[in-house]
PDB file of N, CA and C in Angstrom:
ATOM      1  N   MET A   1     129.896 101.664 115.189  1.00  0.00           N
ATOM      2  CA  MET A   1     129.717 100.571 116.025  1.00  0.00           C
ATOM      3  C   MET A   1     129.179 100.408 117.623  1.00  0.00           C
ATOM      4  N   ARG A   2     130.057 101.396 118.166  1.00  0.00           N
ATOM      5  CA  ARG A   2     129.586 101.354 119.620  1.00  0.00           C
ATOM      6  C   ARG A   2     127.843 102.236 119.425  1.00  0.00           C
ATOM      7  N   ARG A   3     127.568 102.773 118.689  1.00  0.00           N
ATOM      8  CA  ARG A   3     125.910 103.737 118.788  1.00  0.00           C
ATOM      9  C   ARG A   3     125.231 102.405 118.723  1.00  0.00           C
ATOM     10  N   ILE A   4     125.407 101.201 117.294  1.00  0.00           N
ATOM     11  CA  ILE A   4     124.780 100.294 117.454  1.00  0.00           C
ATOM     12  C   ILE A   4     124.715  99.237 118.122  1.00  0.00           C
ATOM     13  N   ARG A   5     126.074  99.020 119.172  1.00  0.00           N
ATOM     14  CA  ARG A   5     125.743  98.122 120.254  1.00  0.00           C
ATOM     15  C   ARG A   5     124.954  98.870 121.464  1.00  0.00           C
ATOM     16  N   GLU A   6     124.807 100.312 121.240  1.00  0.00           N
ATOM     17  CA  GLU A   6     124.286 100.584 122.742  1.00  0.00           C
ATOM     18  C   GLU A   6     122.885 100.732 122.608  1.00  0.00           C
ATOM     19  N   LEU A   7     122.524 101.089 120.907  1.00  0.00           N
ATOM     20  CA  LEU A   7     121.230 100.688 120.650  1.00  0.00           C
ATOM     21  C   LEU A   7     120.886  99.225 120.713  1.00  0.00           C
ATOM     22  N   ARG A   8     121.277  98.609 120.213  1.00  0.00           N
ATOM     23  CA  ARG A   8     121.158  97.071 120.801  1.00  0.00           C
ATOM     24  C   ARG A   8     120.845  96.901 122.700  1.00  0.00           C
ATOM     25  N   GLU A   9     121.805  97.281 123.395  1.00  0.00           N
ATOM     26  CA  GLU A   9     121.539  97.209 124.783  1.00  0.00           C
ATOM     27  C   GLU A   9     120.501  97.860 125.149  1.00  0.00           C
ATOM     28  N   ALA A  10     120.239  99.173 124.914  1.00  0.00           N
ATOM     29  CA  ALA A  10     118.940  99.825 125.068  1.00  0.00           C
ATOM     30  C   ALA A  10     117.570  98.977 124.492  1.00  0.00           C
ATOM     31  N   GLY A  11     117.891  98.272 123.775  1.00  0.00           N
ATOM     32  CA  GLY A  11     116.481  97.528 123.545  1.00  0.00           C
ATOM     33  C   GLY A  11     115.754  98.349 122.200  1.00  0.00           C
ATOM     34  N   VAL A  12     116.624  99.130 121.544  1.00  0.00           N
ATOM     35  CA  VAL A  12     116.018 100.096 120.452  1.00  0.00           C
ATOM     36  C   VAL A  12     116.321  98.844 119.186  1.00  0.00           C
ATOM     37  N   ILE A  13     117.237  98.902 119.310  1.00  0.00           N
ATOM     38  CA  ILE A  13     117.618  97.412 117.672  1.00  0.00           C
ATOM     39  C   ILE A  13     117.161  96.544 118.791  1.00  0.00           C
ATOM     40  N   ASN A  14     115.978  95.468 117.962  1.00  0.00           N
ATOM     41  CA  ASN A  14     115.923  94.329 118.632  1.00  0.00           C
ATOM     42  C   ASN A  14     116.004  93.154 117.930  1.00  0.00           C
ATOM     43  N   ALA A  15     116.346  93.143 116.434  1.00  0.00           N
ATOM     44  CA  ALA A  15     116.355  92.372 115.470  1.00  0.00           C
ATOM     45  C   ALA A  15     117.391  92.770 114.205  1.00  0.00           C
ATOM     46  N   ASP A  16     117.835  92.120 113.825  1.00  0.00           N
ATOM     47  CA  ASP A  16     119.156  92.364 112.277  1.00  0.00           C
ATOM     48  C   ASP A  16     118.309  91.258 111.156  1.00  0.00           C
ATOM     49  N   VAL A  17     117.645  91.712 110.438  1.00  0.00           N
ATOM     50  CA  VAL A  17     116.674  90.708 109.404  1.00  0.00           C
ATOM     51  C   VAL A  17     117.120  90.702 107.819  1.00  0.00           C
ATOM     52  N   ALA A  18     116.804  90.023 107.215  1.00  0.00           N
ATOM     53  CA  ALA A  18     116.762  90.392 105.780  1.00  0.00           C
ATOM     54  C   ALA A  18     115.436  90.366 105.494  1.00  0.00           C
ATOM     55  N   MET A  19     114.839  91.205 104.684  1.00  0.00           N
ATOM     56  CA  MET A  19     113.522  91.422 104.022  1.00  0.00           C
ATOM     57  C   MET A  19     113.467  90.382 102.966  1.00  0.00           C
ATOM     58  N   VAL A  20     112.551  89.740 102.962  1.00  0.00           N
ATOM     59  CA  VAL A  20     112.228  88.596 101.921  1.00  0.00           C
ATOM     60  C   VAL A  20     110.958  89.288 101.022  1.00  0.00           C
ATOM     61  N   ASP A  21     110.683  88.935  99.505  1.00  0.00           N
ATOM     62  CA  ASP A  21     109.710  89.760  99.174  1.00  0.00           C
ATOM     63  C   ASP A  21     108.893  88.475  98.966  1.00  0.00           C
ATOM     64  N   PRO A  22     107.485  88.426  99.802  1.00  0.00           N
ATOM     65  CA  PRO A  22     106.531  87.174  99.791  1.00  0.00           C
ATOM     66  C   PRO A  22     105.921  87.158  98.272  1.00  0.00           C
ATOM     67  N   PHE A  23     105.940  88.151  97.240  1.00  0.00           N
ATOM     68  CA  PHE A  23     105.513  88.263  96.272  1.00  0.00           C
ATOM     69  C   PHE A  23     106.700  87.656  95.388  1.00  0.00           C
ATOM     70  N   ALA A  24     107.835  87.842  95.410  1.00  0.00           N
ATOM     71  CA  ALA A  24     108.548  87.002  94.644  1.00  0.00           C
ATOM     72  C   ALA A  24     108.783  85.307  94.753  1.00  0.00           C
ATOM     73  N   LEU A  25     107.966  84.850  95.959  1.00  0.00           N
ATOM     74  CA  LEU A  25     108.016  83.631  96.173  1.00  0.00           C
ATOM     75  C   LEU A  25     106.846  83.242  95.865  1.00  0.00           C
ATOM     76  N   GLY A  26     105.985  83.938  95.224  1.00  0.00           N
ATOM     77  CA  GLY A  26     104.232  83.453  94.657  1.00  0.00           C
ATOM     78  C   GLY A  26     103.567  83.364  95.780  1.00  0.00           C
ATOM     79  N   TYR A  27     103.853  83.939  97.046  1.00  0.00           N
ATOM     80  CA  TYR A  27     102.519  84.711  97.815  1.00  0.00           C
ATOM     81  C   TYR A  27     102.273  86.119  97.402  1.00  0.00           C
ATOM     82  N   GLY A  28     100.954  86.209  96.442  1.00  0.00           N
ATOM     83  CA  GLY A  28     100.377  86.820  95.275  1.00  0.00           C
ATOM     84  C   GLY A  28      99.403  87.734  96.151  1.00  0.00           C
ATOM     85  N   MET A  29      98.735  87.639  97.073  1.00  0.00           N
ATOM     86  CA  MET A  29      97.721  88.294  97.989  1.00  0.00           C
ATOM     87  C   MET A  29      97.903  88.548  99.139  1.00  0.00           C
ATOM     88  N   LEU A  30      97.501  89.726  99.488  1.00  0.00           N
ATOM     89  CA  LEU A  30      97.694  90.010 100.775  1.00  0.00           C
ATOM     90  C   LEU A  30      96.307  90.510 101.062  1.00  0.00           C
ATOM     91  N   ALA A  31      95.915  90.567 102.332  1.00  0.00           N
ATOM     92  CA  ALA A  31      94.493  90.677 102.955  1.00  0.00           C
ATOM     93  C   ALA A  31      94.979  91.591 104.245  1.00  0.00           C
ATOM     94  N   PHE A  32      93.872  92.117 104.789  1.00  0.00           N
ATOM     95  CA  PHE A  32      93.588  92.984 105.999  1.00  0.00           C
ATOM     96  C   PHE A  32      92.369  92.427 106.182  1.00  0.00           C
ATOM     97  N   LEU A  33      92.369  92.198 107.337  1.00  0.00           N
ATOM     98  CA  LEU A  33      91.431  91.586 108.323  1.00  0.00           C
ATOM     99  C   LEU A  33      91.211  92.406 109.571  1.00  0.00           C
ATOM    100  N   GLU A  34      89.735  92.877 109.589  1.00  0.00           N
ATOM    101  CA  GLU A  34      89.143  93.416 110.746  1.00  0.00           C
ATOM    102  C   GLU A  34      88.222  92.316 111.730  1.00  0.00           C
ATOM    103  N   VAL A  35      88.751  91.979 113.043  1.00  0.00           N
ATOM    104  CA  VAL A  35      87.932  90.625 113.119  1.00  0.00           C
ATOM    105  C   VAL A  35      87.407  91.429 114.758  1.00  0.00           C
ATOM    106  N   SER A  36      86.392  91.107 114.817  1.00  0.00           N
ATOM    107  CA  SER A  36      85.711  91.078 116.395  1.00  0.00           C
ATOM    108  C   SER A  36      85.620  89.986 116.916  1.00  0.00           C
ATOM    109  N   LEU A  37      85.752  89.779 118.238  1.00  0.00           N
ATOM    110  CA  LEU A  37      85.420  88.505 119.166  1.00  0.00           C
ATOM    111  C   LEU A  37      84.136  88.799 119.864  1.00  0.00           C
ATOM    112  N   THR A  38      83.746  87.546 120.049  1.00  0.00           N
ATOM    113  CA  THR A  38      82.268  87.354 120.667  1.00  0.00           C
ATOM    114  C   THR A  38      82.371  87.647 122.066  1.00  0.00           C
ATOM    115  N   ASN A  39      83.871  87.094 122.844  1.00  0.00           N
ATOM    116  CA  ASN A  39      83.852  86.928 124.023  1.00  0.00           C
ATOM    117  C   ASN A  39      85.583  88.102 124.462  1.00  0.00           C
ATOM    118  N   GLN A  40      85.410  89.199 124.862  1.00  0.00           N
ATOM    119  CA  GLN A  40      86.407  89.861 124.840  1.00  0.00           C
ATOM    120  C   GLN A  40      87.277  90.070 126.531  1.00  0.00           C
ATOM    121  N   SER A  41      86.961  88.861 127.073  1.00  0.00           N
ATOM    122  CA  SER A  41      87.750  88.722 127.990  1.00  0.00           C
ATOM    123  C   SER A  41      89.109  88.721 127.928  1.00  0.00           C
ATOM    124  N   ASP A  42      90.021  89.184 128.915  1.00  0.00           N
ATOM    125  CA  ASP A  42      91.231  89.373 128.945  1.00  0.00           C
ATOM    126  C   ASP A  42      92.135  87.653 128.465  1.00  0.00           C
ATOM    127  N   GLU A  43      91.334  86.782 128.862  1.00  0.00           N
ATOM    128  CA  GLU A  43      91.660  85.017 128.647  1.00  0.00           C
ATOM    129  C   GLU A  43      91.466  85.055 126.907  1.00  0.00           C
ATOM    130  N   SER A  44      90.398  85.101 126.416  1.00  0.00           N
ATOM    131  CA  SER A  44      90.058  85.265 125.127  1.00  0.00           C
ATOM    132  C   SER A  44      90.785  85.995 124.381  1.00  0.00           C
ATOM    133  N   MET A  45      91.233  87.009 124.863  1.00  0.00           N
ATOM    134  CA  MET A  45      92.024  87.877 123.936  1.00  0.00           C
ATOM    135  C   MET A  45      93.527  87.075 123.520  1.00  0.00           C
ATOM    136  N   HIS A  46      93.660  86.834 124.922  1.00  0.00           N
ATOM    137  CA  HIS A  46      95.098  86.271 124.722  1.00  0.00           C
ATOM    138  C   HIS A  46      95.162  85.031 124.264  1.00  0.00           C
ATOM    139  N   GLU A  47      94.311  84.248 124.432  1.00  0.00           N
ATOM    140  CA  GLU A  47      94.069  83.033 123.207  1.00  0.00           C
ATOM    141  C   GLU A  47      94.079  83.406 121.710  1.00  0.00           C
ATOM    142  N   PHE A  48      93.322  84.366 121.655  1.00  0.00           N
ATOM    143  CA  PHE A  48      93.107  84.626 120.381  1.00  0.00           C
ATOM    144  C   PHE A  48      94.776  85.317 119.498  1.00  0.00           C
ATOM    145  N   GLU A  49      95.408  86.054 120.373  1.00  0.00           N
ATOM    146  CA  GLU A  49      96.801  86.340 120.132  1.00  0.00           C
ATOM    147  C   GLU A  49      97.543  84.988 119.872  1.00  0.00           C
ATOM    148  N   ALA A  50      97.342  84.476 121.086  1.00  0.00           N
ATOM    149  CA  ALA A  50      98.536  83.242 120.936  1.00  0.00           C
ATOM    150  C   ALA A  50      98.070  82.446 119.688  1.00  0.00           C
ATOM    151  N   ARG A  51      96.986  82.356 119.034  1.00  0.00           N
ATOM    152  CA  ARG A  51      96.462  81.420 118.115  1.00  0.00           C
ATOM    153  C   ARG A  51      97.063  82.335 116.706  1.00  0.00           C
ATOM    154  N   MET A  52      97.260  83.698 116.663  1.00  0.00           N
ATOM    155  CA  MET A  52      97.468  84.411 115.431  1.00  0.00           C
ATOM    156  C   MET A  52      99.133  84.398 115.424  1.00  0.00           C
ATOM    157  N   ASN A  53      99.370  83.999 116.775  1.00  0.00           N
ATOM    158  CA  ASN A  53     101.213  83.936 116.637  1.00  0.00           C
ATOM    159  C   ASN A  53     101.701  82.866 116.003  1.00  0.00           C
ATOM    160  N   LYS A  54     100.876  81.795 116.431  1.00  0.00           N
ATOM    161  CA  LYS A  54     101.056  80.262 115.471  1.00  0.00           C
ATOM    162  C   LYS A  54     100.903  80.179 114.056  1.00  0.00           C
ATOM    163  N   GLU A  55      99.957  81.223 113.071  1.00  0.00           N
ATOM    164  CA  GLU A  55      99.720  81.110 112.213  1.00  0.00           C
ATOM    165  C   GLU A  55     100.513  81.619 111.272  1.00  0.00           C
ATOM    166  N   ALA A  56     101.415  80.947 110.226  1.00  0.00           N
ATOM    167  CA  ALA A  56     102.167  81.604 109.179  1.00  0.00           C
ATOM    168  C   ALA A  56     102.032  82.339 108.487  1.00  0.00           C
ATOM    169  N   GLU A  57     100.577  82.166 107.953  1.00  0.00           N
ATOM    170  CA  GLU A  57      99.822  83.267 107.284  1.00  0.00           C
ATOM    171  C   GLU A  57      99.751  84.838 107.998  1.00  0.00           C
ATOM    172  N   VAL A  58      99.519  85.115 109.006  1.00  0.00           N
ATOM    173  CA  VAL A  58      99.481  86.206 109.521  1.00  0.00           C
ATOM    174  C   VAL A  58     100.999  86.645 110.056  1.00  0.00           C
ATOM    175  N   MET A  59     100.914  87.880 109.035  1.00  0.00           N
ATOM    176  CA  MET A  59     102.270  88.336 109.214  1.00  0.00           C
ATOM    177  C   MET A  59     102.296  89.666 110.096  1.00  0.00           C
ATOM    178  N   GLN A  60     101.045  90.338 110.768  1.00  0.00           N
ATOM    179  CA  GLN A  60     101.024  91.089 111.481  1.00  0.00           C
ATOM    180  C   GLN A  60      99.838  91.172 112.351  1.00  0.00           C
ATOM    181  N   CYS A  61      99.582  91.132 113.557  1.00  0.00           N
ATOM    182  CA  CYS A  61      98.347  91.196 114.721  1.00  0.00           C
ATOM    183  C   CYS A  61      98.507  92.675 115.818  1.00  0.00           C
ATOM    184  N   TYR A  62      97.122  93.233 115.431  1.00  0.00           N
ATOM    185  CA  TYR A  62      97.004  94.331 116.337  1.00  0.00           C
ATOM    186  C   TYR A  62      95.954  94.708 116.860  1.00  0.00           C
ATOM    187  N   PHE A  63      95.981  94.539 118.458  1.00  0.00           N
ATOM    188  CA  PHE A  63      94.783  95.185 119.290  1.00  0.00           C
ATOM    189  C   PHE A  63      94.477  96.569 119.025  1.00  0.00           C
ATOM    190  N   VAL A  64      93.081  96.654 118.329  1.00  0.00           N
ATOM    191  CA  VAL A  64      92.996  98.162 118.131  1.00  0.00           C
ATOM    192  C   VAL A  64      91.796  98.858 118.561  1.00  0.00           C
ATOM    193  N   SER A  65      91.688 100.084 118.508  1.00  0.00           N
ATOM    194  CA  SER A  65      90.443 100.710 119.103  1.00  0.00           C
ATOM    195  C   SER A  65      89.141 100.712 117.596  1.00  0.00           C
ATOM    196  N   GLY A  66      88.346 101.084 118.492  1.00  0.00           N
ATOM    197  CA  GLY A  66      87.237 101.395 117.041  1.00  0.00           C
ATOM    198  C   GLY A  66      86.177 100.313 117.175  1.00  0.00           C
ATOM    199  N   GLU A  67      85.644 100.005 115.789  1.00  0.00           N
ATOM    200  CA  GLU A  67      84.500  99.183 115.970  1.00  0.00           C
ATOM    201  C   GLU A  67      85.335  97.194 115.804  1.00  0.00           C
ATOM    202  N   TYR A  68      86.117  97.281 115.563  1.00  0.00           N
ATOM    203  CA  TYR A  68      86.884  95.938 115.618  1.00  0.00           C
ATOM    204  C   TYR A  68      87.579  95.762 116.555  1.00  0.00           C
ATOM    205  N   ASP A  69      88.226  94.623 117.209  1.00  0.00           N
ATOM    206  CA  ASP A  69      89.090  94.217 117.982  1.00  0.00           C
ATOM    207  C   ASP A  69      90.467  93.890 117.773  1.00  0.00           C
ATOM    208  N   TYR A  70      90.734  93.713 116.770  1.00  0.00           N
ATOM    209  CA  TYR A  70      92.011  92.974 116.302  1.00  0.00           C
ATOM    210  C   TYR A  70      91.919  93.515 114.476  1.00  0.00           C
ATOM    211  N   PHE A  71      93.215  93.729 114.121  1.00  0.00           N
ATOM    212  CA  PHE A  71      93.252  94.094 112.557  1.00  0.00           C
ATOM    213  C   PHE A  71      94.737  93.294 112.269  1.00  0.00           C
ATOM    214  N   LEU A  72      94.170  92.468 111.198  1.00  0.00           N
ATOM    215  CA  LEU A  72      95.431  91.279 111.056  1.00  0.00           C
ATOM    216  C   LEU A  72      95.836  91.865 109.497  1.00  0.00           C
ATOM    217  N   VAL A  73      97.125  91.518 109.338  1.00  0.00           N
ATOM    218  CA  VAL A  73      98.069  91.732 107.761  1.00  0.00           C
ATOM    219  C   VAL A  73      98.273  90.200 107.591  1.00  0.00           C
ATOM    220  N   VAL A  74      97.371  89.840 106.433  1.00  0.00           N
ATOM    221  CA  VAL A  74      97.674  88.249 106.100  1.00  0.00           C
ATOM    222  C   VAL A  74      97.947  87.979 104.671  1.00  0.00           C
ATOM    223  N   HIS A  75      99.056  86.977 104.467  1.00  0.00           N
ATOM    224  CA  HIS A  75      99.871  86.614 103.023  1.00  0.00           C
ATOM    225  C   HIS A  75      99.612  85.512 102.685  1.00  0.00           C
ATOM    226  N   VAL A  76      98.804  85.442 101.708  1.00  0.00           N
ATOM    227  CA  VAL A  76      98.704  83.814 101.100  1.00  0.00           C
ATOM    228  C   VAL A  76      99.322  84.151  99.736  1.00  0.00           C
ATOM    229  N   ILE A  77      99.240  82.469  98.945  1.00  0.00           N
ATOM    230  CA  ILE A  77      99.298  82.689  97.817  1.00  0.00           C
ATOM    231  C   ILE A  77      98.461  82.859  97.012  1.00  0.00           C
ATOM    232  N   ASP A  78      97.256  82.991  97.039  1.00  0.00           N
ATOM    233  CA  ASP A  78      96.060  83.364  96.235  1.00  0.00           C
ATOM    234  C   ASP A  78      94.580  83.176  96.978  1.00  0.00           C
ATOM    235  N   MET A  79      93.595  83.082  96.203  1.00  0.00           N
ATOM    236  CA  MET A  79      92.298  83.471  96.900  1.00  0.00           C
ATOM    237  C   MET A  79      91.755  82.118  97.849  1.00  0.00           C
ATOM    238  N   ASP A  80      91.936  80.814  97.059  1.00  0.00           N
ATOM    239  CA  ASP A  80      91.502  79.456  97.674  1.00  0.00           C
ATOM    240  C   ASP A  80      92.252  79.456  98.764  1.00  0.00           C
ATOM    241  N   ALA A  81      93.581  80.263  98.934  1.00  0.00           N
ATOM    242  CA  ALA A  81      94.904  79.862 100.192  1.00  0.00           C
ATOM    243  C   ALA A  81      93.822  80.640 101.015  1.00  0.00           C
ATOM    244  N   TYR A  82      93.926  81.696 100.823  1.00  0.00           N
ATOM    245  CA  TYR A  82      92.620  82.713 101.636  1.00  0.00           C
ATOM    246  C   TYR A  82      91.545  82.132 102.171  1.00  0.00           C
ATOM    247  N   TYR A  83      91.208  81.556 101.382  1.00  0.00           N
ATOM    248  CA  TYR A  83      89.399  80.645 101.909  1.00  0.00           C
ATOM    249  C   TYR A  83      89.924  79.957 102.518  1.00  0.00           C
ATOM    250  N   GLN A  84      90.736  79.049 102.405  1.00  0.00           N
ATOM    251  CA  GLN A  84      91.062  78.046 103.516  1.00  0.00           C
ATOM    252  C   GLN A  84      91.549  78.488 104.888  1.00  0.00           C
ATOM    253  N   PHE A  85      92.696  79.637 104.578  1.00  0.00           N
ATOM    254  CA  PHE A  85      93.166  80.041 106.173  1.00  0.00           C
ATOM    255  C   PHE A  85      91.695  80.800 106.850  1.00  0.00           C
ATOM    256  N   VAL A  86      90.938  81.377 106.072  1.00  0.00           N
ATOM    257  CA  VAL A  86      89.422  81.950 107.004  1.00  0.00           C
ATOM    258  C   VAL A  86      88.813  81.005 107.502  1.00  0.00           C
ATOM    259  N   ARG A  87      88.524  79.776 106.874  1.00  0.00           N
ATOM    260  CA  ARG A  87      87.744  78.366 107.327  1.00  0.00           C
ATOM    261  C   ARG A  87      88.342  77.856 108.676  1.00  0.00           C
ATOM    262  N   ARG A  88      89.932  77.738 108.420  1.00  0.00           N
ATOM    263  CA  ARG A  88      90.546  77.589 109.499  1.00  0.00           C
ATOM    264  C   ARG A  88      90.779  78.028 110.824  1.00  0.00           C
ATOM    265  N   VAL A  89      91.126  79.187 110.615  1.00  0.00           N
ATOM    266  CA  VAL A  89      91.614  80.012 111.532  1.00  0.00           C
ATOM    267  C   VAL A  89      90.804  81.219 112.161  1.00  0.00           C
ATOM    268  N   ILE A  90      90.121  81.817 111.148  1.00  0.00           N
ATOM    269  CA  ILE A  90      88.949  82.890 111.478  1.00  0.00           C
ATOM    270  C   ILE A  90      87.546  81.787 111.774  1.00  0.00           C
ATOM    271  N   SER A  91      87.066  81.548 111.115  1.00  0.00           N
ATOM    272  CA  SER A  91      85.598  81.087 111.304  1.00  0.00           C
ATOM    273  C   SER A  91      85.649  79.895 112.212  1.00  0.00           C
ATOM    274  N   GLY A  92      86.963  79.479 111.903  1.00  0.00           N
ATOM    275  CA  GLY A  92      86.905  77.614 112.784  1.00  0.00           C
ATOM    276  C   GLY A  92      87.407  77.968 114.523  1.00  0.00           C
ATOM    277  N   SER A  93      87.727  79.796 114.837  1.00  0.00           N
ATOM    278  CA  SER A  93      88.523  79.999 116.131  1.00  0.00           C
ATOM    279  C   SER A  93      87.008  79.737 117.425  1.00  0.00           C
ATOM    280  N   GLY A  94      85.639  79.373 116.923  1.00  0.00           N
ATOM    281  CA  GLY A  94      84.780  79.673 117.920  1.00  0.00           C
ATOM    282  C   GLY A  94      84.382  80.978 119.019  1.00  0.00           C
ATOM    283  N   ASN A  95      85.414  81.770 118.621  1.00  0.00           N
ATOM    284  CA  ASN A  95      85.217  83.091 119.462  1.00  0.00           C
ATOM    285  C   ASN A  95      85.321  84.823 118.294  1.00  0.00           C
ATOM    286  N   VAL A  96      85.095  84.147 117.322  1.00  0.00           N
ATOM    287  CA  VAL A  96      85.095  85.363 116.335  1.00  0.00           C
ATOM    288  C   VAL A  96      83.519  85.709 115.578  1.00  0.00           C
ATOM    289  N   ARG A  97      82.903  86.718 116.344  1.00  0.00           N
ATOM    290  CA  ARG A  97      81.854  87.202 115.975  1.00  0.00           C
ATOM    291  C   ARG A  97      81.682  87.679 114.957  1.00  0.00           C
ATOM    292  N   HIS A  98      82.548  88.433 114.113  1.00  0.00           N
ATOM    293  CA  HIS A  98      82.316  89.297 112.719  1.00  0.00           C
ATOM    294  C   HIS A  98      83.979  89.659 112.293  1.00  0.00           C
ATOM    295  N   PHE A  99      84.126  89.642 111.086  1.00  0.00           N
ATOM    296  CA  PHE A  99      85.318  89.864 110.329  1.00  0.00           C
ATOM    297  C   PHE A  99      84.838  90.445 109.174  1.00  0.00           C
ATOM    298  N   HIS A 100      85.595  91.470 108.474  1.00  0.00           N
ATOM    299  CA  HIS A 100      86.021  92.299 107.414  1.00  0.00           C
ATOM    300  C   HIS A 100      87.089  92.141 106.739  1.00  0.00           C
ATOM    301  N   SER A 101      87.193  91.778 105.446  1.00  0.00           N
ATOM    302  CA  SER A 101      88.289  91.637 104.600  1.00  0.00           C
ATOM    303  C   SER A 101      88.517  92.548 103.901  1.00  0.00           C
ATOM    304  N   ARG A 102      89.934  93.230 103.805  1.00  0.00           N
ATOM    305  CA  ARG A 102      89.885  94.539 102.351  1.00  0.00           C
ATOM    306  C   ARG A 102      91.165  93.668 101.605  1.00  0.00           C
ATOM    307  N   PHE A 103      91.137  93.824 100.647  1.00  0.00           N
ATOM    308  CA  PHE A 103      92.300  93.733  99.670  1.00  0.00           C
ATOM    309  C   PHE A 103      93.019  94.625  98.949  1.00  0.00           C
ATOM    310  N   PRO A 104      94.035  94.824  99.531  1.00  0.00           N
ATOM    311  CA  PRO A 104      94.833  95.879  98.380  1.00  0.00           C
ATOM    312  C   PRO A 104      95.058  95.961  97.270  1.00  0.00           C
ATOM    313  N   MET A 105      94.527  96.971  96.480  1.00  0.00           N
ATOM    314  CA  MET A 105      94.824  96.770  95.006  1.00  0.00           C
ATOM    315  C   MET A 105      96.353  97.254  94.764  1.00  0.00           C
ATOM    316  N   LYS A 106      96.897  98.286  95.355  1.00  0.00           N
ATOM    317  CA  LYS A 106      98.345  98.734  95.022  1.00  0.00           C
ATOM    318  C   LYS A 106      98.807  98.851  96.421  1.00  0.00           C
ATOM    319  N   ARG A 107     100.280  98.879  96.396  1.00  0.00           N
ATOM    320  CA  ARG A 107     101.003  99.250  97.351  1.00  0.00           C
ATOM    321  C   ARG A 107     101.816 100.861  96.806  1.00  0.00           C
ATOM    322  N   ALA A 108     101.109 101.758  97.798  1.00  0.00           N
ATOM    323  CA  ALA A 108     101.944 102.792  97.505  1.00  0.00           C
ATOM    324  C   ALA A 108     102.942 103.136  98.162  1.00  0.00           C
ATOM    325  N   LYS A 109     103.213 102.968  99.254  1.00  0.00           N
ATOM    326  CA  LYS A 109     104.560 102.713 100.039  1.00  0.00           C
ATOM    327  C   LYS A 109     104.649 101.340 100.984  1.00  0.00           C
ATOM    328  N   PHE A 110     106.091 101.211 101.451  1.00  0.00           N
ATOM    329  CA  PHE A 110     106.231 100.344 102.208  1.00  0.00           C
ATOM    330  C   PHE A 110     107.506 100.526 102.641  1.00  0.00           C
ATOM    331  N   SER A 111     107.752 100.947 104.103  1.00  0.00           N
ATOM    332  CA  SER A 111     108.874 101.132 104.551  1.00  0.00           C
ATOM    333  C   SER A 111     108.995 100.429 105.944  1.00  0.00           C
ATOM    334  N   THR A 112     110.269  99.877 106.424  1.00  0.00           N
ATOM    335  CA  THR A 112     110.151  99.649 107.960  1.00  0.00           C
ATOM    336  C   THR A 112     111.276 100.405 108.431  1.00  0.00           C
ATOM    337  N   ARG A 113     111.706 101.734 107.699  1.00  0.00           N
ATOM    338  CA  ARG A 113     112.654 102.670 108.252  1.00  0.00           C
ATOM    339  C   ARG A 113     112.140 103.583 109.601  1.00  0.00           C
ATOM    340  N   ILE A 114     112.294 103.803 110.834  1.00  0.00           N
ATOM    341  CA  ILE A 114     111.864 104.574 111.823  1.00  0.00           C
ATOM    342  C   ILE A 114     112.812 106.035 111.968  1.00  0.00           C
ATOM    343  N   ALA A 115     112.622 107.159 111.703  1.00  0.00           N
ATOM    344  CA  ALA A 115     113.390 108.173 111.617  1.00  0.00           C
ATOM    345  C   ALA A 115     113.365 108.752 113.241  1.00  0.00           C
ATOM    346  N   PHE A 116     114.239 109.043 113.949  1.00  0.00           N
ATOM    347  CA  PHE A 116     114.454 109.558 115.160  1.00  0.00           C
ATOM    348  C   PHE A 116     115.739 110.563 115.066  1.00  0.00           C
ATOM    349  N   ASP A 117     115.405 111.472 115.892  1.00  0.00           N
ATOM    350  CA  ASP A 117     116.902 112.421 115.566  1.00  0.00           C
ATOM    351  C   ASP A 117     117.803 112.041 116.970  1.00  0.00           C
ATOM    352  N   GLU A 118     118.672 111.545 116.630  1.00  0.00           N
ATOM    353  CA  GLU A 118     119.779 111.012 117.866  1.00  0.00           C
ATOM    354  C   GLU A 118     120.112 112.020 118.525  1.00  0.00           C
ATOM    355  N   LYS A 119     120.366 113.241 117.792  1.00  0.00           N
ATOM    356  CA  LYS A 119     120.951 114.715 118.390  1.00  0.00           C
ATOM    357  C   LYS A 119     119.837 115.163 119.878  1.00  0.00           C
ATOM    358  N   ALA A 120     118.803 114.532 119.844  1.00  0.00           N
ATOM    359  CA  ALA A 120     117.688 114.890 120.573  1.00  0.00           C
ATOM    360  C   ALA A 120     117.848 114.184 121.937  1.00  0.00           C
ATOM    361  N   ALA A 121     118.387 113.012 121.767  1.00  0.00           N
ATOM    362  CA  ALA A 121     118.368 112.501 122.951  1.00  0.00           C
ATOM    363  C   ALA A 121     119.692 111.199 123.102  1.00  0.00           C
ATOM    364  N   GLU A 122     120.191 110.818 124.452  1.00  0.00           N
ATOM    365  CA  GLU A 122     121.222 110.055 124.377  1.00  0.00           C
ATOM    366  C   GLU A 122     120.727 108.533 123.597  1.00  0.00           C
ATOM    367  N   LEU A 123     119.742 108.138 124.267  1.00  0.00           N
ATOM    368  CA  LEU A 123     118.848 107.105 123.684  1.00  0.00           C
ATOM    369  C   LEU A 123     117.468 107.119 124.130  1.00  0.00           C
ATOM    370  N   PRO A 124     116.954 107.000 122.646  1.00  0.00           N
ATOM    371  CA  PRO A 124     115.294 106.857 122.720  1.00  0.00           C
ATOM    372  C   PRO A 124     114.597 106.270 124.200  1.00  0.00           C
ATOM    373  N   VAL A 125     113.918 106.703 124.993  1.00  0.00           N
ATOM    374  CA  VAL A 125     113.152 106.104 125.740  1.00  0.00           C
ATOM    375  C   VAL A 125     112.231 104.906 125.096  1.00  0.00           C
ATOM    376  N   ARG A 126     112.454 103.543 125.313  1.00  0.00           N
ATOM    377  CA  ARG A 126     111.471 102.257 124.946  1.00  0.00           C
ATOM    378  C   ARG A 126     109.844 102.646 125.685  1.00  0.00           C
ATOM    379  N   VAL A 127     109.085 103.119 125.087  1.00  0.00           N
ATOM    380  CA  VAL A 127     107.920 102.952 125.319  1.00  0.00           C
ATOM    381  C   VAL A 127     106.857 101.837 125.052  1.00  0.00           C
ATOM    382  N   GLY A 128     107.068 101.172 124.105  1.00  0.00           N
ATOM    383  CA  GLY A 128     106.156  99.800 124.420  1.00  0.00           C
ATOM    384  C   GLY A 128     106.795  99.137 122.643  1.00  0.00           C
ATOM    385  N   LYS A 129     105.891  98.087 122.346  1.00  0.00           N
ATOM    386  CA  LYS A 129     105.636  97.347 121.403  1.00  0.00           C
ATOM    387  C   LYS A 129     104.824  97.536 120.487  1.00  0.00           C
TER     388      LYS A 129
END
């Protein structure tokens, strides 16, 4: 318990959660979106990120290097719900130049575990989110 308290105080443990299986709740479609913005100013990127944070369907949003600006993980009920999401959130944003959707056919691995060697350091250094 002392070690867990220390990890919480150091910001290494930032939440205690229960994992809900979205597929068990009927959210049967997962989509990965690569999104390119028309305007890539700091203000425009912050606006896009704030909008994605408000959208319940967006499970994860990453600013990425490469051909696209953002990578999104979106969970919806079905293709019609995905279509509505894209029309409302992506196409309707006014700042999306291009997006590409990918649909996983099989989940080969899913884990939330982070492996770290507690013996290597007193407390891991927090380097970012």
